[in-house]
């Protein structure tokens, strides 16, 4: 974690309420922005389960309680995403939605925004399973 952050990303973003807000905005953008059409098409019509799973995962990933692990077990991110074709375009569309949501929510917290951008990029790039 960045030395600049005063606490975990989970604490700095505002705990569960802050993570929930980020996830809700992320999926709202994915659902409405034509730039994200490819990644949106990879999801089911109803995004409620995806919203909940990402929320649970991000709470723990950002340093909060391990809600995802408690409910679903180890995340096994790569394994869970292998059924989906994730190339650079899909990665970039996902990141576009997340970065846009973070811009709106974390504009006044540049250290947290930069830390999360770097962490999301590493994770999203790791998820690619085709070139």
Protein backbone atom coordinates (compact mmCIF):
# COMPACT_ATOMS: atom_id res chain seq x y z
CA UNK A 1 0.00 0.00 0.00
CA UNK A 2 1.11 3.53 -0.69
CA UNK A 3 2.89 5.27 2.16
CA UNK A 4 0.77 8.36 1.40
CA UNK A 5 -2.54 6.79 2.45
CA UNK A 6 -3.56 7.28 6.07
CA UNK A 7 -5.18 3.89 6.57
CA UNK A 8 -6.28 1.10 4.28
CA UNK A 9 -8.03 1.98 1.01
CA UNK A 10 -11.16 0.53 2.64
CA UNK A 11 -10.94 3.04 5.49
CA UNK A 12 -10.01 5.98 3.27
CA UNK A 13 -12.84 5.36 0.77
CA UNK A 14 -15.39 5.36 3.59
CA UNK A 15 -15.68 1.69 4.54
CA UNK A 16 -18.64 -0.34 3.28
CA UNK A 17 -20.68 2.72 2.25
CA UNK A 18 -17.83 4.07 0.14
CA UNK A 19 -17.17 0.73 -1.54
CA UNK A 20 -20.91 0.28 -2.21
CA UNK A 21 -21.07 3.72 -3.83
CA UNK A 22 -18.08 2.96 -6.05
CA UNK A 23 -19.51 -0.37 -7.18
CA UNK A 24 -22.95 1.08 -7.87
CA UNK A 25 -21.50 3.88 -9.97
CA UNK A 26 -19.15 1.45 -11.78
CA UNK A 27 -22.06 -0.72 -12.92
CA UNK A 28 -24.24 2.29 -13.74
CA UNK A 29 -21.50 3.48 -16.09
CA UNK A 30 -21.05 0.00 -17.57
CA UNK A 31 -24.79 -0.23 -18.12
CA UNK A 32 -25.16 3.13 -19.87
CA UNK A 33 -21.88 4.19 -21.52
CA UNK A 34 -21.44 2.98 -25.12
CA UNK A 35 -17.67 2.84 -24.56
CA UNK A 36 -18.32 -0.17 -22.29
CA UNK A 37 -20.61 -2.06 -24.69
CA UNK A 38 -18.30 -5.07 -24.98
CA UNK A 39 -17.80 -5.62 -21.27
CA UNK A 40 -21.50 -4.95 -20.63
CA UNK A 41 -22.45 -7.65 -23.15
CA UNK A 42 -20.37 -10.16 -21.17
CA UNK A 43 -22.68 -9.70 -18.18
CA UNK A 44 -26.23 -10.90 -17.66
CA UNK A 45 -29.11 -8.50 -18.25
CA UNK A 46 -29.65 -8.17 -14.49
CA UNK A 47 -26.51 -6.74 -12.91
CA UNK A 48 -27.63 -7.15 -9.29
CA UNK A 49 -25.62 -10.33 -8.64
CA UNK A 50 -22.51 -8.88 -10.29
CA UNK A 51 -22.88 -5.71 -8.22
CA UNK A 52 -23.12 -7.70 -5.00
CA UNK A 53 -20.18 -9.98 -5.79
CA UNK A 54 -17.89 -7.10 -6.77
CA UNK A 55 -18.93 -5.19 -3.65
CA UNK A 56 -18.19 -8.15 -1.38
CA UNK A 57 -14.87 -8.76 -3.11
CA UNK A 58 -13.72 -5.13 -3.05
CA UNK A 59 -14.49 -4.71 0.65
CA UNK A 60 -11.89 -7.39 1.46
CA UNK A 61 -9.52 -6.49 -1.39
CA UNK A 62 -9.33 -2.92 -0.09
CA UNK A 63 -8.53 -4.05 3.44
CA UNK A 64 -11.92 -4.45 5.06
CA UNK A 65 -13.66 -7.58 6.31
CA UNK A 66 -13.39 -10.68 4.12
CA UNK A 67 -17.09 -10.65 3.19
CA UNK A 68 -16.58 -12.38 -0.16
CA UNK A 69 -14.51 -15.18 1.36
CA UNK A 70 -17.06 -15.69 4.13
CA UNK A 71 -19.90 -16.05 1.63
CA UNK A 72 -18.27 -17.62 -1.47
CA UNK A 73 -14.86 -18.95 -0.41
CA UNK A 74 -11.55 -17.99 -2.00
CA UNK A 75 -12.11 -15.56 -4.88
CA UNK A 76 -9.95 -17.51 -7.39
CA UNK A 77 -10.22 -14.54 -9.74
CA UNK A 78 -8.50 -16.06 -12.76
CA UNK A 79 -10.37 -19.34 -12.51
CA UNK A 80 -13.76 -17.63 -12.11
CA UNK A 81 -13.10 -15.44 -15.17
CA UNK A 82 -11.69 -18.13 -17.50
CA UNK A 83 -15.09 -18.80 -19.14
CA UNK A 84 -15.03 -15.21 -20.43
CA UNK A 85 -12.88 -13.95 -23.27
CA UNK A 86 -10.84 -11.18 -21.64
CA UNK A 87 -8.50 -9.41 -24.03
CA UNK A 88 -7.00 -5.92 -23.88
CA UNK A 89 -10.21 -4.33 -25.12
CA UNK A 90 -12.32 -6.00 -22.43
CA UNK A 91 -9.73 -5.11 -19.78
CA UNK A 92 -9.68 -1.50 -20.95
CA UNK A 93 -13.47 -1.21 -21.04
CA UNK A 94 -13.67 -2.56 -17.47
CA UNK A 95 -10.96 -0.15 -16.35
CA UNK A 96 -12.70 2.72 -18.16
CA UNK A 97 -15.82 2.16 -16.05
CA UNK A 98 -13.86 1.82 -12.81
CA UNK A 99 -11.63 4.83 -13.47
CA UNK A 100 -14.64 6.96 -14.41
CA UNK A 101 -16.45 5.93 -11.22
CA UNK A 102 -13.32 6.68 -9.19
CA UNK A 103 -12.91 10.08 -10.88
CA UNK A 104 -16.40 11.01 -9.71
CA UNK A 105 -16.02 9.67 -6.18
CA UNK A 106 -12.33 10.21 -5.40
CA UNK A 107 -11.52 13.44 -7.19
CA UNK A 108 -10.60 15.06 -3.88
CA UNK A 109 -8.45 12.09 -2.75
CA UNK A 110 -5.71 11.82 -5.39
CA UNK A 111 -3.45 9.50 -3.35
CA UNK A 112 -6.23 6.93 -2.95
CA UNK A 113 -7.26 7.30 -6.59
CA UNK A 114 -3.72 6.73 -7.84
CA UNK A 115 -3.20 3.77 -5.51
CA UNK A 116 -6.43 2.11 -6.66
CA UNK A 117 -5.80 2.87 -10.35
CA UNK A 118 -2.46 1.08 -10.15
CA UNK A 119 -3.88 -1.86 -8.21
CA UNK A 120 -6.88 -2.22 -10.54
CA UNK A 121 -4.61 -2.09 -13.60
CA UNK A 122 -2.40 -4.87 -12.24
CA UNK A 123 -5.40 -7.02 -11.37
CA UNK A 124 -7.30 -6.37 -14.59
CA UNK A 125 -4.24 -7.08 -16.69
CA UNK A 126 -3.72 -10.35 -14.79
CA UNK A 127 -7.27 -11.37 -15.74
CA UNK A 128 -6.54 -11.32 -19.48
CA UNK A 129 -6.78 -14.82 -20.90
CA UNK A 130 -6.34 -14.08 -24.60
CA UNK A 131 -4.23 -11.68 -26.60
